[in-house]
Amino acid sequence: MKLHTALMSGAFVTAVAADGKANNNTPSHLRHLKADSKSSKGTKAGKGSSSYSSSYSMSYGPPTPPVTDPPTPKPTRSTLPPTTPPTPAPSPICCNPAYLEKLILSNVYNNDDDIFDRDGPAMEWLAEDACGCGFCSNLQLIQRYILAVLYYSTGGPNWTSCGDAASDATCQVQSAYGNSEGFNWLTCNSECDWGGTDCRNSGVLNVTDVERNGLIGNLPPEIAKLSGLVVLALEQNQLQGPIPSSYGGLDKLAVLDLDFNDLTGSLFDLRNMEKLQQLDLNANSLTGSIEGLGWDLTRLTFIDLSYNKFTGTIAPEIGDLGGLTSLQVQCNAFVPPLQFVNCPSGTLAADDVICDNSATICTCTNSTSAAQCDEGP
């Protein structure tokens, strides 16, 4: 017979094992231990019991780790749920050619399809510029289009400066009122920052001043649709043809300076230009009468019509310009005597034309000889 000890359910039990079946001759002092071990198998350890956890094995080795399920494999491409591609962001309205054409036709040409060159270079440029550069407000689109018309109408690619539309660099241009240093025209910069322009921080184009810059060609009538324009100065270029009569509708214009060009035709009506202060048209080939143009409805302080081919008499309304300080009308074909009623109260400095305002009738004496006029200014 052998004695064994085992650790079972927290009770220290002495067991008697025999090589054969246990007999009833087991001593009584051992039988009650055997019986107690049987009864303890059916009893659970209560709260606070000092029994060892049943997760331990019957041996003294390390605990067996709990059995866990293997990780679920990631689904293959064939088992991925179907997905819907993201909806692309809508294109800006200015990327729509039909919208651009309608905007320009109605706001620049008053829906007159006969004068709208929808296939012209300015419209072609605008379609690319609007979508590519992101200037999409109606005001920006209209202003940029009109400046593009001016650019292409006056040989923009061959300008002396600021005409390289392919270069996003800065440029310098002679400009007394606008950006003397700005960006090349038709680049992806605000039209308010191109050379010779200015918006005075308002977003509305106020100045187009490009002097001595090799502009050649005709003045486009579209400029009259720049309703916020205060200064239009394109002097000392090679502009030809008439000054569009529609420029007379620029009711905010204070300075019109187009001297030293090759402009022809007659002078337009001034009666709607009540803020006009400087009219500088000398050294052109303008013709016709200057009477009855509404001079007295302006605020003109400076008038230079010299070295043209105007005829008739000096407009008597000029005498009602109380703020006039400079009147230059020499070297024209005016009919003498050069006089008008109600001579301006200001002192006139008129170069070779001397206006005597000491009498009721203001008489201007032209001291420039015909030979001197022929020589030009």
Foldseek 3Di string as FASTA:
>chain_A
DDWDWFCDQNDTAIDDDDPDDDDPVPDPVRVVRVVVVVVVVPDHADPPGPTDDPQADRDPDDGDDDDDDDDDDDDDPVPDDDDDDDDDDDQDPLLDLVVLVVLCCCLQVVVPPVPDPCVDPLNVLLNCLCRPLVPPDSQQSLVLSLVSVQCVQFVLCPWQWLSPQVDQDWIAADEPPAARIFGRRSHSDRPCGGHFWHDPPPSQTATRAGEPTAGEHEDDLSVLSSLNYAEDHHAQYAYEEADDLSVLQNQNHAYDHHANYAYEEEDHANQSNANHAEDHHAHYAYEEEPEPRNPLSHQYQEEAHALYAYEEADHQSVLNNQNHAEDEHYLYHYDDFRKHANHHPYHYDHPQWHWDPPDRIITTDRPQDPVNSVVPD
